[in-house]
Amino acid sequence: QLACPLDLGCHSVRPQEMKPALQLYRSLIRSGKHFADYNFRNYTLRIVREDFRKYKNETDPKRIEELMDFGKQQLGVVQRQSTISQMYKPKPLVIELPAEEQNQ
């Protein structure tokens, strides 16, 4: 058995069955990190992690397929929205600035 990142419930699943879910998870996290806005970026990452944890024990193959399809659809949304957010970057928030700039 393989170790499972973030306890996604992979312990009861064979490696070849969990690979697509882990790829989708990584793609969503990677795409979510491209949001220019701090709040959108953190919201997206939090929701992805919460949803994968929420459904980590799902065993019904039909439901798993529905969840994967929904995840792929959401990946497209995240990729499009993060690309758009790069076009219209907001000013960085104070918490995003390096420590030396925050003190000025």
PDB file of N, CA and C in Angstrom:
ATOM      1  N   GLN A   1       0.831  -1.194   0.000  1.00  0.00           N
ATOM      2  CA  GLN A   1       0.000   0.000   0.000  1.00  0.00           C
ATOM      3  C   GLN A   1       0.871   1.252   0.000  1.00  0.00           C
ATOM      4  N   LEU A   2       0.393   2.289  -0.648  1.00  0.00           N
ATOM      5  CA  LEU A   2       1.112   3.557  -0.711  1.00  0.00           C
ATOM      6  C   LEU A   2       0.648   4.481   0.397  1.00  0.00           C
ATOM      7  N   ALA A   3       1.532   5.363   0.813  1.00  0.00           N
ATOM      8  CA  ALA A   3       1.152   6.398   1.768  1.00  0.00           C
ATOM      9  C   ALA A   3       0.236   7.388   1.059  1.00  0.00           C
ATOM     10  N   CYS A   4      -0.699   7.919   1.781  1.00  0.00           N
ATOM     11  CA  CYS A   4      -1.696   8.807   1.177  1.00  0.00           C
ATOM     12  C   CYS A   4      -1.531  10.230   1.705  1.00  0.00           C
ATOM     13  N   PRO A   5      -1.354  11.227   0.825  1.00  0.00           N
ATOM     14  CA  PRO A   5      -1.212  12.606   1.296  1.00  0.00           C
ATOM     15  C   PRO A   5      -2.507  13.131   1.894  1.00  0.00           C
ATOM     16  N   LEU A   6      -2.393  13.840   2.977  1.00  0.00           N
ATOM     17  CA  LEU A   6      -3.526  14.494   3.637  1.00  0.00           C
ATOM     18  C   LEU A   6      -4.617  13.527   4.055  1.00  0.00           C
ATOM     19  N   ASP A   7      -4.253  12.251   4.247  1.00  0.00           N
ATOM     20  CA  ASP A   7      -5.216  11.246   4.682  1.00  0.00           C
ATOM     21  C   ASP A   7      -6.473  11.286   3.814  1.00  0.00           C
ATOM     22  N   LEU A   8      -6.292  11.097   2.523  1.00  0.00           N
ATOM     23  CA  LEU A   8      -7.420  11.147   1.591  1.00  0.00           C
ATOM     24  C   LEU A   8      -8.210   9.847   1.547  1.00  0.00           C
ATOM     25  N   GLY A   9      -7.908   8.910   2.415  1.00  0.00           N
ATOM     26  CA  GLY A   9      -8.661   7.673   2.466  1.00  0.00           C
ATOM     27  C   GLY A   9      -8.153   6.624   1.509  1.00  0.00           C
ATOM     28  N   CYS A  10      -6.931   6.759   1.063  1.00  0.00           N
ATOM     29  CA  CYS A  10      -6.365   5.853   0.071  1.00  0.00           C
ATOM     30  C   CYS A  10      -6.008   4.499   0.671  1.00  0.00           C
ATOM     31  N   HIS A  11      -5.980   4.379   1.985  1.00  0.00           N
ATOM     32  CA  HIS A  11      -5.534   3.149   2.622  1.00  0.00           C
ATOM     33  C   HIS A  11      -6.383   1.946   2.238  1.00  0.00           C
ATOM     34  N   SER A  12      -7.618   2.129   1.858  1.00  0.00           N
ATOM     35  CA  SER A  12      -8.487   1.013   1.511  1.00  0.00           C
ATOM     36  C   SER A  12      -8.615   0.821  -0.003  1.00  0.00           C
ATOM     37  N   VAL A  13      -7.848   1.553  -0.780  1.00  0.00           N
ATOM     38  CA  VAL A  13      -7.957   1.521  -2.227  1.00  0.00           C
ATOM     39  C   VAL A  13      -6.632   1.081  -2.827  1.00  0.00           C
ATOM     40  N   ARG A  14      -6.704   0.290  -3.885  1.00  0.00           N
ATOM     41  CA  ARG A  14      -5.479  -0.119  -4.562  1.00  0.00           C
ATOM     42  C   ARG A  14      -4.863   1.076  -5.285  1.00  0.00           C
ATOM     43  N   PRO A  15      -3.530   1.079  -5.445  1.00  0.00           N
ATOM     44  CA  PRO A  15      -2.837   2.225  -6.060  1.00  0.00           C
ATOM     45  C   PRO A  15      -3.371   2.612  -7.444  1.00  0.00           C
ATOM     46  N   GLN A  16      -3.701   1.648  -8.298  1.00  0.00           N
ATOM     47  CA  GLN A  16      -4.169   2.000  -9.637  1.00  0.00           C
ATOM     48  C   GLN A  16      -5.547   2.666  -9.605  1.00  0.00           C
ATOM     49  N   GLU A  17      -6.317   2.437  -8.533  1.00  0.00           N
ATOM     50  CA  GLU A  17      -7.634   3.070  -8.406  1.00  0.00           C
ATOM     51  C   GLU A  17      -7.536   4.487  -7.850  1.00  0.00           C
ATOM     52  N   MET A  18      -6.526   4.756  -7.036  1.00  0.00           N
ATOM     53  CA  MET A  18      -6.423   6.085  -6.429  1.00  0.00           C
ATOM     54  C   MET A  18      -5.645   7.069  -7.297  1.00  0.00           C
ATOM     55  N   LYS A  19      -4.923   6.574  -8.279  1.00  0.00           N
ATOM     56  CA  LYS A  19      -4.083   7.442  -9.097  1.00  0.00           C
ATOM     57  C   LYS A  19      -4.867   8.586  -9.762  1.00  0.00           C
ATOM     58  N   PRO A  20      -6.012   8.318 -10.426  1.00  0.00           N
ATOM     59  CA  PRO A  20      -6.750   9.436 -11.050  1.00  0.00           C
ATOM     60  C   PRO A  20      -7.229  10.473 -10.033  1.00  0.00           C
ATOM     61  N   ALA A  21      -7.654  10.019  -8.854  1.00  0.00           N
ATOM     62  CA  ALA A  21      -8.116  10.962  -7.826  1.00  0.00           C
ATOM     63  C   ALA A  21      -6.961  11.816  -7.320  1.00  0.00           C
ATOM     64  N   LEU A  22      -5.803  11.207  -7.112  1.00  0.00           N
ATOM     65  CA  LEU A  22      -4.644  11.974  -6.659  1.00  0.00           C
ATOM     66  C   LEU A  22      -4.166  12.949  -7.722  1.00  0.00           C
ATOM     67  N   GLN A  23      -4.234  12.533  -8.986  1.00  0.00           N
ATOM     68  CA  GLN A  23      -3.854  13.444 -10.078  1.00  0.00           C
ATOM     69  C   GLN A  23      -4.806  14.636 -10.127  1.00  0.00           C
ATOM     70  N   LEU A  24      -6.092  14.368  -9.969  1.00  0.00           N
ATOM     71  CA  LEU A  24      -7.081  15.445  -9.966  1.00  0.00           C
ATOM     72  C   LEU A  24      -6.838  16.379  -8.782  1.00  0.00           C
ATOM     73  N   TYR A  25      -6.585  15.804  -7.616  1.00  0.00           N
ATOM     74  CA  TYR A  25      -6.308  16.601  -6.418  1.00  0.00           C
ATOM     75  C   TYR A  25      -5.106  17.515  -6.641  1.00  0.00           C
ATOM     76  N   ARG A  26      -4.024  16.941  -7.126  1.00  0.00           N
ATOM     77  CA  ARG A  26      -2.809  17.733  -7.366  1.00  0.00           C
ATOM     78  C   ARG A  26      -3.051  18.827  -8.400  1.00  0.00           C
ATOM     79  N   SER A  27      -3.797  18.505  -9.451  1.00  0.00           N
ATOM     80  CA  SER A  27      -4.083  19.503 -10.490  1.00  0.00           C
ATOM     81  C   SER A  27      -4.916  20.650  -9.937  1.00  0.00           C
ATOM     82  N   LEU A  28      -5.910  20.334  -9.111  1.00  0.00           N
ATOM     83  CA  LEU A  28      -6.734  21.381  -8.510  1.00  0.00           C
ATOM     84  C   LEU A  28      -5.905  22.268  -7.583  1.00  0.00           C
ATOM     85  N   ILE A  29      -5.041  21.654  -6.773  1.00  0.00           N
ATOM     86  CA  ILE A  29      -4.185  22.433  -5.873  1.00  0.00           C
ATOM     87  C   ILE A  29      -3.231  23.306  -6.680  1.00  0.00           C
ATOM     88  N   ARG A  30      -2.606  22.723  -7.683  1.00  0.00           N
ATOM     89  CA  ARG A  30      -1.648  23.464  -8.516  1.00  0.00           C
ATOM     90  C   ARG A  30      -2.346  24.642  -9.207  1.00  0.00           C
ATOM     91  N   SER A  31      -3.519  24.399  -9.772  1.00  0.00           N
ATOM     92  CA  SER A  31      -4.250  25.470 -10.471  1.00  0.00           C
ATOM     93  C   SER A  31      -4.731  26.529  -9.491  1.00  0.00           C
ATOM     94  N   GLY A  32      -5.160  26.113  -8.302  1.00  0.00           N
ATOM     95  CA  GLY A  32      -5.635  27.057  -7.297  1.00  0.00           C
ATOM     96  C   GLY A  32      -4.552  28.007  -6.818  1.00  0.00           C
ATOM     97  N   LYS A  33      -3.315  27.559  -6.862  1.00  0.00           N
ATOM     98  CA  LYS A  33      -2.200  28.400  -6.428  1.00  0.00           C
ATOM     99  C   LYS A  33      -1.898  29.528  -7.410  1.00  0.00           C
ATOM    100  N   HIS A  34      -2.493  29.498  -8.591  1.00  0.00           N
ATOM    101  CA  HIS A  34      -2.231  30.525  -9.599  1.00  0.00           C
ATOM    102  C   HIS A  34      -3.151  31.740  -9.505  1.00  0.00           C
ATOM    103  N   PHE A  35      -4.121  31.716  -8.589  1.00  0.00           N
ATOM    104  CA  PHE A  35      -4.976  32.894  -8.429  1.00  0.00           C
ATOM    105  C   PHE A  35      -4.131  34.072  -7.959  1.00  0.00           C
ATOM    106  N   ALA A  36      -4.335  35.220  -8.563  1.00  0.00           N
ATOM    107  CA  ALA A  36      -3.590  36.416  -8.186  1.00  0.00           C
ATOM    108  C   ALA A  36      -4.083  36.970  -6.842  1.00  0.00           C
ATOM    109  N   ASP A  37      -5.360  36.829  -6.573  1.00  0.00           N
ATOM    110  CA  ASP A  37      -5.949  37.364  -5.350  1.00  0.00           C
ATOM    111  C   ASP A  37      -5.771  36.382  -4.194  1.00  0.00           C
ATOM    112  N   TYR A  38      -5.251  36.861  -3.094  1.00  0.00           N
ATOM    113  CA  TYR A  38      -4.979  36.050  -1.905  1.00  0.00           C
ATOM    114  C   TYR A  38      -6.229  35.310  -1.425  1.00  0.00           C
ATOM    115  N   ASN A  39      -7.351  36.016  -1.343  1.00  0.00           N
ATOM    116  CA  ASN A  39      -8.581  35.416  -0.816  1.00  0.00           C
ATOM    117  C   ASN A  39      -9.111  34.310  -1.722  1.00  0.00           C
ATOM    118  N   PHE A  40      -9.127  34.532  -3.025  1.00  0.00           N
ATOM    119  CA  PHE A  40      -9.578  33.490  -3.955  1.00  0.00           C
ATOM    120  C   PHE A  40      -8.647  32.280  -3.892  1.00  0.00           C
ATOM    121  N   ARG A  41      -7.352  32.557  -3.827  1.00  0.00           N
ATOM    122  CA  ARG A  41      -6.354  31.484  -3.783  1.00  0.00           C
ATOM    123  C   ARG A  41      -6.570  30.602  -2.552  1.00  0.00           C
ATOM    124  N   ASN A  42      -6.657  31.211  -1.388  1.00  0.00           N
ATOM    125  CA  ASN A  42      -6.821  30.440  -0.154  1.00  0.00           C
ATOM    126  C   ASN A  42      -8.180  29.756  -0.075  1.00  0.00           C
ATOM    127  N   TYR A  43      -9.220  30.414  -0.563  1.00  0.00           N
ATOM    128  CA  TYR A  43     -10.551  29.798  -0.575  1.00  0.00           C
ATOM    129  C   TYR A  43     -10.548  28.541  -1.442  1.00  0.00           C
ATOM    130  N   THR A  44      -9.970  28.637  -2.625  1.00  0.00           N
ATOM    131  CA  THR A  44      -9.931  27.500  -3.538  1.00  0.00           C
ATOM    132  C   THR A  44      -9.163  26.338  -2.930  1.00  0.00           C
ATOM    133  N   LEU A  45      -8.008  26.602  -2.370  1.00  0.00           N
ATOM    134  CA  LEU A  45      -7.198  25.545  -1.761  1.00  0.00           C
ATOM    135  C   LEU A  45      -7.926  24.906  -0.585  1.00  0.00           C
ATOM    136  N   ARG A  46      -8.590  25.726   0.222  1.00  0.00           N
ATOM    137  CA  ARG A  46      -9.317  25.197   1.379  1.00  0.00           C
ATOM    138  C   ARG A  46     -10.480  24.300   0.943  1.00  0.00           C
ATOM    139  N   ILE A  47     -11.243  24.744  -0.055  1.00  0.00           N
ATOM    140  CA  ILE A  47     -12.398  23.973  -0.521  1.00  0.00           C
ATOM    141  C   ILE A  47     -11.957  22.654  -1.142  1.00  0.00           C
ATOM    142  N   VAL A  48     -10.891  22.671  -1.922  1.00  0.00           N
ATOM    143  CA  VAL A  48     -10.387  21.436  -2.534  1.00  0.00           C
ATOM    144  C   VAL A  48     -10.010  20.441  -1.437  1.00  0.00           C
ATOM    145  N   ARG A  49      -9.252  20.887  -0.464  1.00  0.00           N
ATOM    146  CA  ARG A  49      -8.826  19.994   0.627  1.00  0.00           C
ATOM    147  C   ARG A  49     -10.024  19.464   1.413  1.00  0.00           C
ATOM    148  N   GLU A  50     -10.964  20.350   1.739  1.00  0.00           N
ATOM    149  CA  GLU A  50     -12.142  19.942   2.502  1.00  0.00           C
ATOM    150  C   GLU A  50     -12.971  18.914   1.742  1.00  0.00           C
ATOM    151  N   ASP A  51     -13.187  19.141   0.447  1.00  0.00           N
ATOM    152  CA  ASP A  51     -14.014  18.216  -0.324  1.00  0.00           C
ATOM    153  C   ASP A  51     -13.352  16.853  -0.487  1.00  0.00           C
ATOM    154  N   PHE A  52     -12.050  16.827  -0.698  1.00  0.00           N
ATOM    155  CA  PHE A  52     -11.371  15.537  -0.819  1.00  0.00           C
ATOM    156  C   PHE A  52     -11.414  14.786   0.512  1.00  0.00           C
ATOM    157  N   ARG A  53     -11.275  15.491   1.610  1.00  0.00           N
ATOM    158  CA  ARG A  53     -11.382  14.838   2.922  1.00  0.00           C
ATOM    159  C   ARG A  53     -12.808  14.356   3.176  1.00  0.00           C
ATOM    160  N   LYS A  54     -13.770  15.164   2.761  1.00  0.00           N
ATOM    161  CA  LYS A  54     -15.183  14.839   2.986  1.00  0.00           C
ATOM    162  C   LYS A  54     -15.559  13.516   2.319  1.00  0.00           C
ATOM    163  N   TYR A  55     -15.034  13.273   1.125  1.00  0.00           N
ATOM    164  CA  TYR A  55     -15.422  12.084   0.368  1.00  0.00           C
ATOM    165  C   TYR A  55     -14.344  11.001   0.364  1.00  0.00           C
ATOM    166  N   LYS A  56     -13.425  11.060   1.299  1.00  0.00           N
ATOM    167  CA  LYS A  56     -12.305  10.110   1.302  1.00  0.00           C
ATOM    168  C   LYS A  56     -12.737   8.668   1.533  1.00  0.00           C
ATOM    169  N   ASN A  57     -13.856   8.440   2.179  1.00  0.00           N
ATOM    170  CA  ASN A  57     -14.299   7.077   2.477  1.00  0.00           C
ATOM    171  C   ASN A  57     -15.379   6.571   1.528  1.00  0.00           C
ATOM    172  N   GLU A  58     -15.631   7.286   0.463  1.00  0.00           N
ATOM    173  CA  GLU A  58     -16.655   6.872  -0.504  1.00  0.00           C
ATOM    174  C   GLU A  58     -16.232   5.564  -1.168  1.00  0.00           C
ATOM    175  N   THR A  59     -17.141   4.595  -1.229  1.00  0.00           N
ATOM    176  CA  THR A  59     -16.824   3.289  -1.815  1.00  0.00           C
ATOM    177  C   THR A  59     -17.701   2.943  -3.015  1.00  0.00           C
ATOM    178  N   ASP A  60     -18.805   3.645  -3.190  1.00  0.00           N
ATOM    179  CA  ASP A  60     -19.712   3.361  -4.302  1.00  0.00           C
ATOM    180  C   ASP A  60     -19.066   3.803  -5.621  1.00  0.00           C
ATOM    181  N   PRO A  61     -18.787   2.864  -6.537  1.00  0.00           N
ATOM    182  CA  PRO A  61     -18.116   3.213  -7.793  1.00  0.00           C
ATOM    183  C   PRO A  61     -18.860   4.265  -8.625  1.00  0.00           C
ATOM    184  N   LYS A  62     -20.188   4.200  -8.631  1.00  0.00           N
ATOM    185  CA  LYS A  62     -20.963   5.184  -9.400  1.00  0.00           C
ATOM    186  C   LYS A  62     -20.806   6.583  -8.800  1.00  0.00           C
ATOM    187  N   ARG A  63     -20.872   6.667  -7.477  1.00  0.00           N
ATOM    188  CA  ARG A  63     -20.722   7.960  -6.796  1.00  0.00           C
ATOM    189  C   ARG A  63     -19.303   8.496  -6.986  1.00  0.00           C
ATOM    190  N   ILE A  64     -18.305   7.616  -6.932  1.00  0.00           N
ATOM    191  CA  ILE A  64     -16.918   8.035  -7.149  1.00  0.00           C
ATOM    192  C   ILE A  64     -16.755   8.600  -8.554  1.00  0.00           C
ATOM    193  N   GLU A  65     -17.383   7.954  -9.528  1.00  0.00           N
ATOM    194  CA  GLU A  65     -17.313   8.446 -10.911  1.00  0.00           C
ATOM    195  C   GLU A  65     -17.972   9.821 -11.037  1.00  0.00           C
ATOM    196  N   GLU A  66     -19.116  10.004 -10.361  1.00  0.00           N
ATOM    197  CA  GLU A  66     -19.792  11.311 -10.370  1.00  0.00           C
ATOM    198  C   GLU A  66     -18.899  12.383  -9.743  1.00  0.00           C
ATOM    199  N   LEU A  67     -18.273  12.043  -8.625  1.00  0.00           N
ATOM    200  CA  LEU A  67     -17.390  12.998  -7.949  1.00  0.00           C
ATOM    201  C   LEU A  67     -16.184  13.352  -8.807  1.00  0.00           C
ATOM    202  N   MET A  68     -15.621  12.357  -9.481  1.00  0.00           N
ATOM    203  CA  MET A  68     -14.479  12.612 -10.370  1.00  0.00           C
ATOM    204  C   MET A  68     -14.889  13.517 -11.534  1.00  0.00           C
ATOM    205  N   ASP A  69     -16.064  13.248 -12.120  1.00  0.00           N
ATOM    206  CA  ASP A  69     -16.550  14.096 -13.217  1.00  0.00           C
ATOM    207  C   ASP A  69     -16.755  15.532 -12.744  1.00  0.00           C
ATOM    208  N   PHE A  70     -17.345  15.682 -11.552  1.00  0.00           N
ATOM    209  CA  PHE A  70     -17.553  17.015 -10.993  1.00  0.00           C
ATOM    210  C   PHE A  70     -16.206  17.696 -10.739  1.00  0.00           C
ATOM    211  N   GLY A  71     -15.245  16.942 -10.208  1.00  0.00           N
ATOM    212  CA  GLY A  71     -13.917  17.496  -9.948  1.00  0.00           C
ATOM    213  C   GLY A  71     -13.228  17.959 -11.219  1.00  0.00           C
ATOM    214  N   LYS A  72     -13.363  17.181 -12.291  1.00  0.00           N
ATOM    215  CA  LYS A  72     -12.757  17.565 -13.576  1.00  0.00           C
ATOM    216  C   LYS A  72     -13.411  18.835 -14.117  1.00  0.00           C
ATOM    217  N   GLN A  73     -14.715  18.921 -13.941  1.00  0.00           N
ATOM    218  CA  GLN A  73     -15.442  20.123 -14.368  1.00  0.00           C
ATOM    219  C   GLN A  73     -14.947  21.336 -13.567  1.00  0.00           C
ATOM    220  N   GLN A  74     -14.787  21.165 -12.271  1.00  0.00           N
ATOM    221  CA  GLN A  74     -14.316  22.255 -11.416  1.00  0.00           C
ATOM    222  C   GLN A  74     -12.866  22.624 -11.716  1.00  0.00           C
ATOM    223  N   LEU A  75     -12.066  21.651 -12.126  1.00  0.00           N
ATOM    224  CA  LEU A  75     -10.686  21.942 -12.521  1.00  0.00           C
ATOM    225  C   LEU A  75     -10.674  22.917 -13.693  1.00  0.00           C
ATOM    226  N   GLY A  76     -11.544  22.702 -14.660  1.00  0.00           N
ATOM    227  CA  GLY A  76     -11.644  23.624 -15.789  1.00  0.00           C
ATOM    228  C   GLY A  76     -12.028  25.022 -15.344  1.00  0.00           C
ATOM    229  N   VAL A  77     -12.970  25.103 -14.407  1.00  0.00           N
ATOM    230  CA  VAL A  77     -13.401  26.402 -13.885  1.00  0.00           C
ATOM    231  C   VAL A  77     -12.239  27.103 -13.184  1.00  0.00           C
ATOM    232  N   VAL A  78     -11.531  26.375 -12.329  1.00  0.00           N
ATOM    233  CA  VAL A  78     -10.406  26.955 -11.581  1.00  0.00           C
ATOM    234  C   VAL A  78      -9.320  27.425 -12.545  1.00  0.00           C
ATOM    235  N   GLN A  79      -9.020  26.629 -13.548  1.00  0.00           N
ATOM    236  CA  GLN A  79      -7.987  27.012 -14.517  1.00  0.00           C
ATOM    237  C   GLN A  79      -8.384  28.282 -15.281  1.00  0.00           C
ATOM    238  N   ARG A  80      -9.626  28.349 -15.723  1.00  0.00           N
ATOM    239  CA  ARG A  80     -10.077  29.554 -16.448  1.00  0.00           C
ATOM    240  C   ARG A  80     -10.059  30.786 -15.553  1.00  0.00           C
ATOM    241  N   GLN A  81     -10.603  30.639 -14.357  1.00  0.00           N
ATOM    242  CA  GLN A  81     -10.691  31.781 -13.451  1.00  0.00           C
ATOM    243  C   GLN A  81      -9.313  32.247 -12.984  1.00  0.00           C
ATOM    244  N   SER A  82      -8.401  31.329 -12.751  1.00  0.00           N
ATOM    245  CA  SER A  82      -7.065  31.745 -12.319  1.00  0.00           C
ATOM    246  C   SER A  82      -6.329  32.453 -13.450  1.00  0.00           C
ATOM    247  N   THR A  83      -6.575  32.032 -14.689  1.00  0.00           N
ATOM    248  CA  THR A  83      -5.973  32.718 -15.840  1.00  0.00           C
ATOM    249  C   THR A  83      -6.511  34.136 -15.952  1.00  0.00           C
ATOM    250  N   ILE A  84      -7.813  34.279 -15.788  1.00  0.00           N
ATOM    251  CA  ILE A  84      -8.430  35.611 -15.833  1.00  0.00           C
ATOM    252  C   ILE A  84      -7.900  36.475 -14.689  1.00  0.00           C
ATOM    253  N   SER A  85      -7.735  35.879 -13.507  1.00  0.00           N
ATOM    254  CA  SER A  85      -7.254  36.668 -12.365  1.00  0.00           C
ATOM    255  C   SER A  85      -5.827  37.168 -12.585  1.00  0.00           C
ATOM    256  N   GLN A  86      -5.047  36.445 -13.385  1.00  0.00           N
ATOM    257  CA  GLN A  86      -3.684  36.889 -13.701  1.00  0.00           C
ATOM    258  C   GLN A  86      -3.699  38.118 -14.609  1.00  0.00           C
ATOM    259  N   MET A  87      -4.760  38.263 -15.394  1.00  0.00           N
ATOM    260  CA  MET A  87      -4.868  39.416 -16.301  1.00  0.00           C
ATOM    261  C   MET A  87      -5.187  40.703 -15.546  1.00  0.00           C
ATOM    262  N   TYR A  88      -5.896  40.575 -14.429  1.00  0.00           N
ATOM    263  CA  TYR A  88      -6.348  41.736 -13.668  1.00  0.00           C
ATOM    264  C   TYR A  88      -5.869  41.617 -12.231  1.00  0.00           C
ATOM    265  N   LYS A  89      -4.570  41.639 -12.044  1.00  0.00           N
ATOM    266  CA  LYS A  89      -3.991  41.434 -10.721  1.00  0.00           C
ATOM    267  C   LYS A  89      -4.309  42.611  -9.799  1.00  0.00           C
ATOM    268  N   PRO A  90      -4.800  42.314  -8.596  1.00  0.00           N
ATOM    269  CA  PRO A  90      -5.018  43.375  -7.616  1.00  0.00           C
ATOM    270  C   PRO A  90      -3.698  43.720  -6.929  1.00  0.00           C
ATOM    271  N   LYS A  91      -3.696  44.837  -6.217  1.00  0.00           N
ATOM    272  CA  LYS A  91      -2.518  45.172  -5.415  1.00  0.00           C
ATOM    273  C   LYS A  91      -2.391  44.116  -4.330  1.00  0.00           C
ATOM    274  N   PRO A  92      -1.164  43.726  -3.979  1.00  0.00           N
ATOM    275  CA  PRO A  92      -1.003  42.711  -2.931  1.00  0.00           C
ATOM    276  C   PRO A  92      -1.487  43.223  -1.577  1.00  0.00           C
ATOM    277  N   LEU A  93      -2.057  42.319  -0.798  1.00  0.00           N
ATOM    278  CA  LEU A  93      -2.490  42.660   0.550  1.00  0.00           C
ATOM    279  C   LEU A  93      -1.271  42.761   1.462  1.00  0.00           C
ATOM    280  N   VAL A  94      -1.433  43.368   2.596  1.00  0.00           N
ATOM    281  CA  VAL A  94      -0.341  43.551   3.536  1.00  0.00           C
ATOM    282  C   VAL A  94       0.260  42.201   3.942  1.00  0.00           C
ATOM    283  N   ILE A  95      -0.578  41.187   4.118  1.00  0.00           N
ATOM    284  CA  ILE A  95      -0.070  39.884   4.543  1.00  0.00           C
ATOM    285  C   ILE A  95       0.724  39.174   3.448  1.00  0.00           C
ATOM    286  N   GLU A  96       0.626  39.648   2.214  1.00  0.00           N
ATOM    287  CA  GLU A  96       1.372  39.056   1.110  1.00  0.00           C
ATOM    288  C   GLU A  96       2.736  39.716   0.900  1.00  0.00           C
ATOM    289  N   LEU A  97       2.946  40.871   1.494  1.00  0.00           N
ATOM    290  CA  LEU A  97       4.203  41.597   1.329  1.00  0.00           C
ATOM    291  C   LEU A  97       5.301  40.984   2.159  1.00  0.00           C
ATOM    292  N   PRO A  98       6.550  41.084   1.702  1.00  0.00           N
ATOM    293  CA  PRO A  98       7.678  40.627   2.524  1.00  0.00           C
ATOM    294  C   PRO A  98       7.699  41.402   3.850  1.00  0.00           C
ATOM    295  N   ALA A  99       8.261  40.815   4.871  1.00  0.00           N
ATOM    296  CA  ALA A  99       8.251  41.394   6.227  1.00  0.00           C
ATOM    297  C   ALA A  99       8.839  42.806   6.278  1.00  0.00           C
ATOM    298  N   GLU A 100       9.912  43.037   5.506  1.00  0.00           N
ATOM    299  CA  GLU A 100      10.543  44.371   5.571  1.00  0.00           C
ATOM    300  C   GLU A 100       9.642  45.460   4.986  1.00  0.00           C
ATOM    301  N   GLU A 101       8.797  45.134   4.007  1.00  0.00           N
ATOM    302  CA  GLU A 101       7.889  46.121   3.424  1.00  0.00           C
ATOM    303  C   GLU A 101       6.687  46.377   4.333  1.00  0.00           C
ATOM    304  N   GLN A 102       6.310  45.410   5.157  1.00  0.00           N
ATOM    305  CA  GLN A 102       5.162  45.577   6.053  1.00  0.00           C
ATOM    306  C   GLN A 102       5.445  46.596   7.148  1.00  0.00           C
ATOM    307  N   ASN A 103       6.684  46.720   7.530  1.00  0.00           N
ATOM    308  CA  ASN A 103       7.053  47.609   8.630  1.00  0.00           C
ATOM    309  C   ASN A 103       7.192  49.064   8.204  1.00  0.00           C
ATOM    310  N   GLN A 104       7.079  49.346   6.928  1.00  0.00           N
ATOM    311  CA  GLN A 104       7.271  50.741   6.461  1.00  0.00           C
ATOM    312  C   GLN A 104       6.003  51.536   6.560  1.00  0.00           C
TER     313      GLN A 104
END
